[in-house]
C-alpha atoms as a PDB file:
ATOM      1  CA  MET A   1      14.851  25.109  42.288  1.00  0.00           C
ATOM      2  CA  LEU A   2      12.345  22.556  41.289  1.00  0.00           C
ATOM      3  CA  ASN A   3      13.416  21.299  38.005  1.00  0.00           C
ATOM      4  CA  ALA A   4      17.268  21.775  37.906  1.00  0.00           C
ATOM      5  CA  LYS A   5      17.817  21.455  41.933  1.00  0.00           C
ATOM      6  CA  LYS A   6      15.279  18.922  42.449  1.00  0.00           C
ATOM      7  CA  TYR A   7      14.377  20.661  45.890  1.00  0.00           C
ATOM      8  CA  ALA A   8      11.046  19.502  47.498  1.00  0.00           C
ATOM      9  CA  TYR A   9       8.093  21.297  47.183  1.00  0.00           C
ATOM     10  CA  LYS A  10       8.044  22.782  50.655  1.00  0.00           C
ATOM     11  CA  THR A  11      11.881  23.788  50.514  1.00  0.00           C
ATOM     12  CA  CYS A  12      10.901  25.890  47.470  1.00  0.00           C
ATOM     13  CA  ASN A  13       8.126  27.636  48.819  1.00  0.00           C
ATOM     14  CA  LEU A  14      10.209  28.302  51.935  1.00  0.00           C
ATOM     15  CA  ARG A  15      13.003  30.138  49.798  1.00  0.00           C
ATOM     16  CA  ILE A  16      10.158  31.991  47.765  1.00  0.00           C
ATOM     17  CA  THR A  17       8.837  33.435  51.005  1.00  0.00           C
ATOM     18  CA  ALA A  18      12.261  34.425  52.204  1.00  0.00           C
ATOM     19  CA  ILE A  19      13.157  36.004  48.905  1.00  0.00           C
ATOM     20  CA  HIS A  20       9.973  38.017  48.900  1.00  0.00           C
ATOM     21  CA  ALA A  21      10.723  39.100  52.779  1.00  0.00           C
ATOM     22  CA  LEU A  22      14.071  40.112  51.821  1.00  0.00           C
ATOM     23  CA  LEU A  23      12.809  42.083  48.541  1.00  0.00           C
ATOM     24  CA  GLU A  24      10.088  43.619  50.769  1.00  0.00           C
ATOM     25  CA  TYR A  25      12.550  44.724  53.370  1.00  0.00           C
ATOM     26  CA  ALA A  26      15.035  45.930  50.402  1.00  0.00           C
ATOM     27  CA  ALA A  27      12.562  47.841  48.684  1.00  0.00           C
ATOM     28  CA  ASN A  28      11.246  49.638  51.954  1.00  0.00           C
ATOM     29  CA  GLU A  29      14.759  50.645  52.821  1.00  0.00           C
ATOM     30  CA  ASN A  30      15.507  51.955  49.716  1.00  0.00           C
ATOM     31  CA  SER A  31      12.708  53.957  48.835  1.00  0.00           C
ATOM     32  CA  THR A  32      11.213  53.148  45.253  1.00  0.00           C
ATOM     33  CA  ASP A  33      14.371  51.975  43.780  1.00  0.00           C
ATOM     34  CA  LEU A  34      13.725  48.400  44.505  1.00  0.00           C
ATOM     35  CA  MET A  35       9.890  48.181  44.545  1.00  0.00           C
ATOM     36  CA  ALA A  36       9.436  47.537  40.949  1.00  0.00           C
ATOM     37  CA  LEU A  37      11.555  44.389  41.446  1.00  0.00           C
ATOM     38  CA  TYR A  38       9.526  43.417  44.768  1.00  0.00           C
ATOM     39  CA  LEU A  39       6.161  43.522  42.753  1.00  0.00           C
ATOM     40  CA  GLU A  40       7.643  41.498  40.091  1.00  0.00           C
ATOM     41  CA  ALA A  41       8.740  38.912  42.666  1.00  0.00           C
ATOM     42  CA  CYS A  42       5.502  38.914  44.145  1.00  0.00           C
ATOM     43  CA  THR A  43       4.165  37.460  40.906  1.00  0.00           C
ATOM     44  CA  VAL A  44       6.111  34.188  41.615  1.00  0.00           C
ATOM     45  CA  LYS A  45       3.501  32.325  43.507  1.00  0.00           C
ATOM     46  CA  GLY A  46       4.426  29.291  45.898  1.00  0.00           C
ATOM     47  CA  LEU A  47       3.896  25.577  44.765  1.00  0.00           C
ATOM     48  CA  LYS A  48       0.537  23.858  45.734  1.00  0.00           C
ATOM     49  CA  VAL A  49       1.636  21.036  48.071  1.00  0.00           C
ATOM     50  CA  THR A  50      -0.335  18.073  48.425  1.00  0.00           C
ATOM     51  CA  ALA A  51      -1.174  16.897  51.794  1.00  0.00           C
ATOM     52  CA  ASN A  52       0.065  13.574  52.583  1.00  0.00           C
ATOM     53  CA  PRO A  53      -1.834  11.142  54.484  1.00  0.00           C
ATOM     54  CA  ILE A  54      -1.573  11.204  58.396  1.00  0.00           C
ATOM     55  CA  GLU A  55       0.986   8.519  59.654  1.00  0.00           C
ATOM     56  CA  TYR A  56       0.051   6.709  62.804  1.00  0.00           C
ATOM     57  CA  PHE A  57       0.462   3.279  64.472  1.00  0.00           C
ATOM     58  CA  GLU A  58      -2.552   0.915  64.206  1.00  0.00           C
ATOM     59  CA  SER A  59      -3.560  -0.485  67.498  1.00  0.00           C
ATOM     60  CA  TYR A  60      -2.043  -3.888  67.148  1.00  0.00           C
ATOM     61  CA  GLN A  61       1.346  -2.062  66.155  1.00  0.00           C
ATOM     62  CA  MET A  62       1.132   0.365  68.957  1.00  0.00           C
ATOM     63  CA  LYS A  63       0.459  -2.664  71.308  1.00  0.00           C
ATOM     64  CA  ALA A  64       3.439  -4.379  70.053  1.00  0.00           C
ATOM     65  CA  LEU A  65       5.693  -1.182  70.371  1.00  0.00           C
ATOM     66  CA  LEU A  66       4.811  -0.671  73.931  1.00  0.00           C
ATOM     67  CA  ALA A  67       5.847  -4.362  74.361  1.00  0.00           C
ATOM     68  CA  ALA A  68       8.861  -4.255  72.271  1.00  0.00           C
ATOM     69  CA  PRO A  69      11.198  -3.014  75.248  1.00  0.00           C
ATOM     70  CA  ASP A  70      13.152  -5.754  77.568  1.00  0.00           C
ATOM     71  CA  GLY A  71      11.703  -5.253  80.987  1.00  0.00           C
ATOM     72  CA  LYS A  72      14.561  -7.281  82.296  1.00  0.00           C
ATOM     73  CA  THR A  73      17.360  -4.148  81.663  1.00  0.00           C
ATOM     74  CA  THR A  74      17.221  -1.118  83.222  1.00  0.00           C
ATOM     75  CA  THR A  75      17.449   0.790  80.080  1.00  0.00           C
ATOM     76  CA  GLY A  76      14.256  -1.432  78.629  1.00  0.00           C
ATOM     77  CA  ARG A  77      12.281  -0.309  81.889  1.00  0.00           C
ATOM     78  CA  ARG A  78      13.172   3.245  81.277  1.00  0.00           C
ATOM     79  CA  ASN A  79      12.490   3.069  77.574  1.00  0.00           C
ATOM     80  CA  GLN A  80       9.237   1.344  78.146  1.00  0.00           C
ATOM     81  CA  MET A  81       7.771   3.871  80.534  1.00  0.00           C
ATOM     82  CA  MET A  82       8.890   6.478  78.206  1.00  0.00           C
ATOM     83  CA  LEU A  83       6.928   5.052  75.720  1.00  0.00           C
ATOM     84  CA  ILE A  84       3.802   4.477  77.860  1.00  0.00           C
ATOM     85  CA  LEU A  85       3.673   8.365  79.205  1.00  0.00           C
ATOM     86  CA  TYR A  86       4.396   9.478  75.460  1.00  0.00           C
ATOM     87  CA  TYR A  87       1.297   7.471  74.147  1.00  0.00           C
ATOM     88  CA  ASP A  88      -0.528   8.043  77.366  1.00  0.00           C
ATOM     89  CA  THR A  89      -0.174  11.915  77.109  1.00  0.00           C
ATOM     90  CA  ALA A  90       0.022  12.483  73.458  1.00  0.00           C
ATOM     91  CA  ALA A  91       3.043  15.155  74.360  1.00  0.00           C
ATOM     92  CA  ARG A  92       5.481  16.790  72.076  1.00  0.00           C
ATOM     93  CA  ILE A  93       8.745  14.668  72.027  1.00  0.00           C
ATOM     94  CA  SER A  94      10.588  17.889  73.301  1.00  0.00           C
ATOM     95  CA  GLU A  95       7.775  18.192  76.133  1.00  0.00           C
ATOM     96  CA  LEU A  96       8.510  14.778  77.160  1.00  0.00           C
ATOM     97  CA  LEU A  97      12.343  15.193  76.934  1.00  0.00           C
ATOM     98  CA  GLU A  98      12.201  18.529  78.924  1.00  0.00           C
ATOM     99  CA  MET A  99      10.086  17.020  81.589  1.00  0.00           C
ATOM    100  CA  THR A 100      10.896  16.753  85.248  1.00  0.00           C
ATOM    101  CA  VAL A 101       9.727  14.846  88.116  1.00  0.00           C
ATOM    102  CA  SER A 102       8.215  17.873  89.761  1.00  0.00           C
ATOM    103  CA  GLN A 103       5.623  18.250  86.998  1.00  0.00           C
ATOM    104  CA  LEU A 104       4.154  15.067  88.088  1.00  0.00           C
ATOM    105  CA  HIS A 105       1.001  15.149  90.306  1.00  0.00           C
ATOM    106  CA  LEU A 106       0.357  11.421  91.181  1.00  0.00           C
ATOM    107  CA  ASP A 107      -1.336  11.994  94.907  1.00  0.00           C
ATOM    108  CA  ALA A 108      -3.952  14.558  93.441  1.00  0.00           C
ATOM    109  CA  ASP A 109      -7.623  13.319  93.495  1.00  0.00           C
ATOM    110  CA  ILE A 110      -7.064  12.840  89.539  1.00  0.00           C
ATOM    111  CA  ALA A 111      -3.453  12.207  89.030  1.00  0.00           C
ATOM    112  CA  TYR A 112      -2.327  14.513  86.340  1.00  0.00           C
ATOM    113  CA  LEU A 113       0.943  15.682  84.642  1.00  0.00           C
ATOM    114  CA  THR A 114       1.801  19.367  84.135  1.00  0.00           C
ATOM    115  CA  ILE A 115       3.232  19.917  80.571  1.00  0.00           C
ATOM    116  CA  LEU A 116       5.446  23.294  79.629  1.00  0.00           C
ATOM    117  CA  GLY A 117       4.342  23.708  75.659  1.00  0.00           C
ATOM    118  CA  LYS A 118       5.074  25.819  73.098  1.00  0.00           C
ATOM    119  CA  GLY A 119       4.724  29.572  73.885  1.00  0.00           C
ATOM    120  CA  ARG A 120       5.853  28.880  77.403  1.00  0.00           C
ATOM    121  CA  LYS A 121       2.165  27.982  78.047  1.00  0.00           C
ATOM    122  CA  TYR A 122       1.194  25.209  80.714  1.00  0.00           C
ATOM    123  CA  ARG A 123      -1.380  22.589  80.280  1.00  0.00           C
ATOM    124  CA  ASN A 124      -2.554  19.824  82.532  1.00  0.00           C
ATOM    125  CA  ILE A 125      -2.925  16.302  81.194  1.00  0.00           C
ATOM    126  CA  PRO A 126      -5.026  13.732  83.528  1.00  0.00           C
ATOM    127  CA  LEU A 127      -3.116  10.409  83.725  1.00  0.00           C
ATOM    128  CA  MET A 128      -4.588   6.929  83.449  1.00  0.00           C
ATOM    129  CA  ASP A 129      -4.829   4.579  86.391  1.00  0.00           C
ATOM    130  CA  LYS A 130      -2.739   2.150  84.951  1.00  0.00           C
ATOM    131  CA  THR A 131      -0.152   4.766  83.920  1.00  0.00           C
ATOM    132  CA  VAL A 132       0.211   6.113  87.287  1.00  0.00           C
ATOM    133  CA  ARG A 133       0.856   2.579  88.663  1.00  0.00           C
ATOM    134  CA  HIS A 134       3.761   2.426  86.071  1.00  0.00           C
ATOM    135  CA  LEU A 135       5.139   5.809  86.907  1.00  0.00           C
ATOM    136  CA  ARG A 136       5.218   4.820  90.785  1.00  0.00           C
ATOM    137  CA  SER A 137       7.114   1.663  89.929  1.00  0.00           C
ATOM    138  CA  TYR A 138       9.545   3.748  87.767  1.00  0.00           C
ATOM    139  CA  LEU A 139      10.167   6.479  90.293  1.00  0.00           C
ATOM    140  CA  ARG A 140      11.026   3.967  92.984  1.00  0.00           C
ATOM    141  CA  GLY A 141      13.489   2.518  90.745  1.00  0.00           C
ATOM    142  CA  PHE A 142      15.079   5.439  88.861  1.00  0.00           C
ATOM    143  CA  HIS A 143      14.328   8.554  91.093  1.00  0.00           C
ATOM    144  CA  ARG A 144      15.380   7.467  94.893  1.00  0.00           C
ATOM    145  CA  ASP A 145      18.129   9.839  94.962  1.00  0.00           C
ATOM    146  CA  THR A 146      17.314  12.462  92.424  1.00  0.00           C
ATOM    147  CA  THR A 147      15.899  15.989  92.982  1.00  0.00           C
ATOM    148  CA  ALA A 148      12.386  17.448  91.900  1.00  0.00           C
ATOM    149  CA  ASP A 149      14.094  19.276  89.095  1.00  0.00           C
ATOM    150  CA  CYS A 150      15.876  16.116  87.599  1.00  0.00           C
ATOM    151  CA  PRO A 151      14.837  14.867  84.121  1.00  0.00           C
ATOM    152  CA  LEU A 152      12.119  12.422  84.295  1.00  0.00           C
ATOM    153  CA  PHE A 153      13.943  10.127  81.715  1.00  0.00           C
ATOM    154  CA  TYR A 154      17.772  10.418  81.790  1.00  0.00           C
ATOM    155  CA  ALA A 155      20.773   8.676  81.273  1.00  0.00           C
ATOM    156  CA  ARG A 156      24.103   8.464  83.594  1.00  0.00           C
ATOM    157  CA  SER A 157      27.320   8.847  81.927  1.00  0.00           C
ATOM    158  CA  HIS A 158      30.369   9.307  84.165  1.00  0.00           C
ATOM    159  CA  GLY A 159      28.353   9.494  87.216  1.00  0.00           C
ATOM    160  CA  ARG A 160      26.446  12.265  86.066  1.00  0.00           C
ATOM    161  CA  ILE A 161      22.924  12.585  84.871  1.00  0.00           C
ATOM    162  CA  HIS A 162      21.819  14.061  81.542  1.00  0.00           C
ATOM    163  CA  PRO A 163      18.629  14.380  79.641  1.00  0.00           C
ATOM    164  CA  LEU A 164      18.038  12.135  76.476  1.00  0.00           C
ATOM    165  CA  SER A 165      18.238  13.731  72.880  1.00  0.00           C
ATOM    166  CA  HIS A 166      15.491  13.787  70.445  1.00  0.00           C
ATOM    167  CA  ASP A 167      17.893  11.406  68.187  1.00  0.00           C
ATOM    168  CA  THR A 168      18.400   8.971  70.771  1.00  0.00           C
ATOM    169  CA  VAL A 169      14.328   8.431  71.018  1.00  0.00           C
ATOM    170  CA  GLU A 170      14.348   8.353  67.397  1.00  0.00           C
ATOM    171  CA  THR A 171      16.723   5.632  67.187  1.00  0.00           C
ATOM    172  CA  MET A 172      15.068   3.699  70.038  1.00  0.00           C
ATOM    173  CA  ILE A 173      11.868   3.689  68.274  1.00  0.00           C
ATOM    174  CA  ARG A 174      13.226   2.641  65.058  1.00  0.00           C
ATOM    175  CA  ARG A 175      14.910  -0.361  66.901  1.00  0.00           C
ATOM    176  CA  TYR A 176      12.045  -1.550  68.714  1.00  0.00           C
ATOM    177  CA  CYS A 177      10.006  -1.343  65.345  1.00  0.00           C
ATOM    178  CA  LYS A 178      12.541  -3.696  64.051  1.00  0.00           C
ATOM    179  CA  VAL A 179      12.115  -5.916  66.998  1.00  0.00           C
ATOM    180  CA  CYS A 180       8.209  -5.863  66.292  1.00  0.00           C
ATOM    181  CA  VAL A 181       8.897  -6.752  62.520  1.00  0.00           C
ATOM    182  CA  GLU A 182      11.145  -9.787  63.673  1.00  0.00           C
ATOM    183  CA  ASN A 183       8.309 -11.003  66.028  1.00  0.00           C
ATOM    184  CA  GLY A 184       5.786 -10.915  63.061  1.00  0.00           C
ATOM    185  CA  THR A 185       4.295  -7.516  63.425  1.00  0.00           C
ATOM    186  CA  SER A 186       3.995  -5.623  60.594  1.00  0.00           C
ATOM    187  CA  MET A 187       5.251  -1.767  61.141  1.00  0.00           C
ATOM    188  CA  PRO A 188       5.285   1.294  59.259  1.00  0.00           C
ATOM    189  CA  GLY A 189       8.436   1.719  56.775  1.00  0.00           C
ATOM    190  CA  GLN A 190       9.734   4.683  58.182  1.00  0.00           C
ATOM    191  CA  PRO A 191       8.605   5.187  61.938  1.00  0.00           C
ATOM    192  CA  HIS A 192       9.320   8.399  63.793  1.00  0.00           C
ATOM    193  CA  CYS A 193       8.682   9.883  67.242  1.00  0.00           C
ATOM    194  CA  HIS A 194       5.637  12.231  66.411  1.00  0.00           C
ATOM    195  CA  MET A 195       3.909   9.131  65.037  1.00  0.00           C
ATOM    196  CA  ILE A 196       3.093   8.050  68.654  1.00  0.00           C
ATOM    197  CA  ARG A 197       1.527  11.801  69.610  1.00  0.00           C
ATOM    198  CA  LYS A 198      -0.641  11.394  66.441  1.00  0.00           C
ATOM    199  CA  THR A 199      -1.515   7.795  67.166  1.00  0.00           C
ATOM    200  CA  ARG A 200      -2.822   8.781  70.508  1.00  0.00           C
ATOM    201  CA  ALA A 201      -5.066  11.702  69.194  1.00  0.00           C
ATOM    202  CA  MET A 202      -6.301   9.600  66.389  1.00  0.00           C
ATOM    203  CA  ASP A 203      -7.256   6.551  68.959  1.00  0.00           C
ATOM    204  CA  LEU A 204      -9.108   9.158  70.985  1.00  0.00           C
ATOM    205  CA  TYR A 205     -10.869  10.949  67.924  1.00  0.00           C
ATOM    206  CA  LYS A 206     -12.053   7.151  66.592  1.00  0.00           C
ATOM    207  CA  ASN A 207     -13.653   6.594  70.395  1.00  0.00           C
ATOM    208  CA  GLY A 208     -15.526   9.581  70.221  1.00  0.00           C
ATOM    209  CA  MET A 209     -13.767  12.152  72.277  1.00  0.00           C
ATOM    210  CA  PRO A 210     -14.627  15.692  70.983  1.00  0.00           C
ATOM    211  CA  LEU A 211     -12.002  17.935  68.812  1.00  0.00           C
ATOM    212  CA  ALA A 212     -12.109  20.560  71.636  1.00  0.00           C
ATOM    213  CA  HIS A 213     -10.677  18.298  74.217  1.00  0.00           C
ATOM    214  CA  ILE A 214      -8.053  16.807  71.447  1.00  0.00           C
ATOM    215  CA  GLN A 215      -7.064  20.455  70.961  1.00  0.00           C
ATOM    216  CA  GLN A 216      -6.580  21.179  74.746  1.00  0.00           C
ATOM    217  CA  LEU A 217      -4.676  17.661  75.251  1.00  0.00           C
ATOM    218  CA  LEU A 218      -2.411  18.558  72.216  1.00  0.00           C
ATOM    219  CA  GLY A 219      -1.937  22.072  73.125  1.00  0.00           C
ATOM    220  CA  HIS A 220      -2.779  23.454  69.874  1.00  0.00           C
ATOM    221  CA  GLU A 221      -3.320  26.927  69.592  1.00  0.00           C
ATOM    222  CA  SER A 222      -5.964  27.062  67.068  1.00  0.00           C
ATOM    223  CA  MET A 223      -8.776  24.451  66.588  1.00  0.00           C
ATOM    224  CA  SER A 224      -8.212  24.530  62.679  1.00  0.00           C
ATOM    225  CA  THR A 225      -4.654  22.706  63.537  1.00  0.00           C
ATOM    226  CA  THR A 226      -6.471  20.077  65.268  1.00  0.00           C
ATOM    227  CA  SER A 227      -9.193  19.577  62.783  1.00  0.00           C
ATOM    228  CA  GLY A 228      -6.975  19.951  59.718  1.00  0.00           C
ATOM    229  CA  PHE A 229      -5.022  16.720  61.262  1.00  0.00           C
ATOM    230  CA  TYR A 230      -7.601  14.685  62.512  1.00  0.00           C
ATOM    231  CA  ALA A 231     -10.857  15.402  61.617  1.00  0.00           C
ATOM    232  CA  PHE A 232     -11.774  12.910  58.676  1.00  0.00           C
ATOM    233  CA  ALA A 233     -13.011   9.612  58.278  1.00  0.00           C
ATOM    234  CA  THR A 234     -10.578   6.912  58.525  1.00  0.00           C
ATOM    235  CA  ILE A 235     -11.043   3.670  56.632  1.00  0.00           C
ATOM    236  CA  GLU A 236     -11.946   1.957  59.736  1.00  0.00           C
ATOM    237  CA  THR A 237     -14.815   4.628  60.141  1.00  0.00           C
ATOM    238  CA  LEU A 238     -16.132   4.320  56.735  1.00  0.00           C
ATOM    239  CA  SER A 239     -16.018   0.599  56.672  1.00  0.00           C
ATOM    240  CA  LYS A 240     -18.353   1.037  59.803  1.00  0.00           C
ATOM    241  CA  SER A 241     -20.716   3.387  58.099  1.00  0.00           C
ATOM    242  CA  MET A 242     -21.024   1.293  55.067  1.00  0.00           C
ATOM    243  CA  SER A 243     -21.469  -1.694  57.032  1.00  0.00           C
ATOM    244  CA  ALA A 244     -24.423   0.075  59.157  1.00  0.00           C
ATOM    245  CA  ALA A 245     -25.759   1.347  55.821  1.00  0.00           C
ATOM    246  CA  ASN A 246     -26.133  -2.143  54.133  1.00  0.00           C
ATOM    247  CA  GLN A 247     -27.545  -3.425  57.450  1.00  0.00           C
ATOM    248  CA  GLU A 248     -30.577  -1.127  56.575  1.00  0.00           C
ATOM    249  CA  ASP A 249     -30.769  -2.743  53.248  1.00  0.00           C
ATOM    250  CA  THR A 250     -31.209  -6.113  54.378  1.00  0.00           C
ATOM    251  CA  GLY A 251     -34.635  -6.274  53.922  1.00  0.00           C
ATOM    252  CA  ALA A 252     -35.289  -6.820  57.572  1.00  0.00           C
ATOM    253  CA  GLY A 253     -38.114  -4.388  57.452  1.00  0.00           C
ATOM    254  CA  LYS A 254     -38.544  -1.244  59.276  1.00  0.00           C
ATOM    255  CA  LYS A 255     -39.641  -1.104  62.973  1.00  0.00           C
ATOM    256  CA  TRP A 256     -42.776   0.480  62.281  1.00  0.00           C
ATOM    257  CA  ASP A 257     -44.001  -2.391  59.903  1.00  0.00           C
ATOM    258  CA  ASP A 258     -43.540  -4.751  62.889  1.00  0.00           C
ATOM    259  CA  ARG A 259     -47.415  -5.488  63.878  1.00  0.00           C
ATOM    260  CA  GLY A 260     -46.559  -5.888  67.673  1.00  0.00           C
ATOM    261  CA  ILE A 261     -44.568  -2.565  67.542  1.00  0.00           C
ATOM    262  CA  LEU A 262     -47.574  -0.901  65.924  1.00  0.00           C
ATOM    263  CA  GLU A 263     -50.130  -2.585  68.457  1.00  0.00           C
ATOM    264  CA  LYS A 264     -48.088  -1.062  71.151  1.00  0.00           C
ATOM    265  CA  ILE A 265     -48.158   2.548  69.504  1.00  0.00           C
ATOM    266  CA  TYR A 266     -52.047   2.300  68.974  1.00  0.00           C
ATOM    267  CA  SER A 267     -52.499   1.532  72.353  1.00  0.00           C
ATOM    268  CA  LEU A 268     -50.609   4.723  73.841  1.00  0.00           C
END
């Protein structure tokens, strides 16, 4: 699979796992006849997959992407609202596209959004004031005559409303990234939907938000999933740490070497 058919490492591992499962089932169903074959197959181990760096947008790239849609067109206003809410909530793209108007709670003391995530589990995500203002304007323009179970983001064809597809959003993000590049902003070579969710989580992590809160925001079942993605030192974090360390070695002296500070301490 790896050398002849040139399959990816992950593809090879998935197929090995499937073969192991099939042989285990066959061995259990046919007594001991196939058990030797199953045990021999178990000696074939999966390939070690090197973890790729997390892909996310830098702050200036995310800012440019949010500003890329043309606010003068109906589609542009819808797409911009979608990108804003996608970033603010760090939702999965499936959660965003399945979202209905009834999931918004803008009049609560703290405005929030209810998301139906994996495993049919609900979680509530607080909304920023600026996002709430954008949403109110969006609802006035796009949901004057719709019902509460209408998709929050939709398209009309032949007079009927239908939800957007994952491919539509992927194409939209690539198109707006191309616009950003044409306007002089460098962007990742292969942008995709999930990068916005990762960008939001990374921004919150770099700004000091506890991983437990990020886990709740993302809807991860296990903390290990969250920490595996985000609990590492970014280049920016390393740079700040190294700069702080260098400042300590500038020869400015320790505070307890300052005579004025020593006199205050002695007077206590």
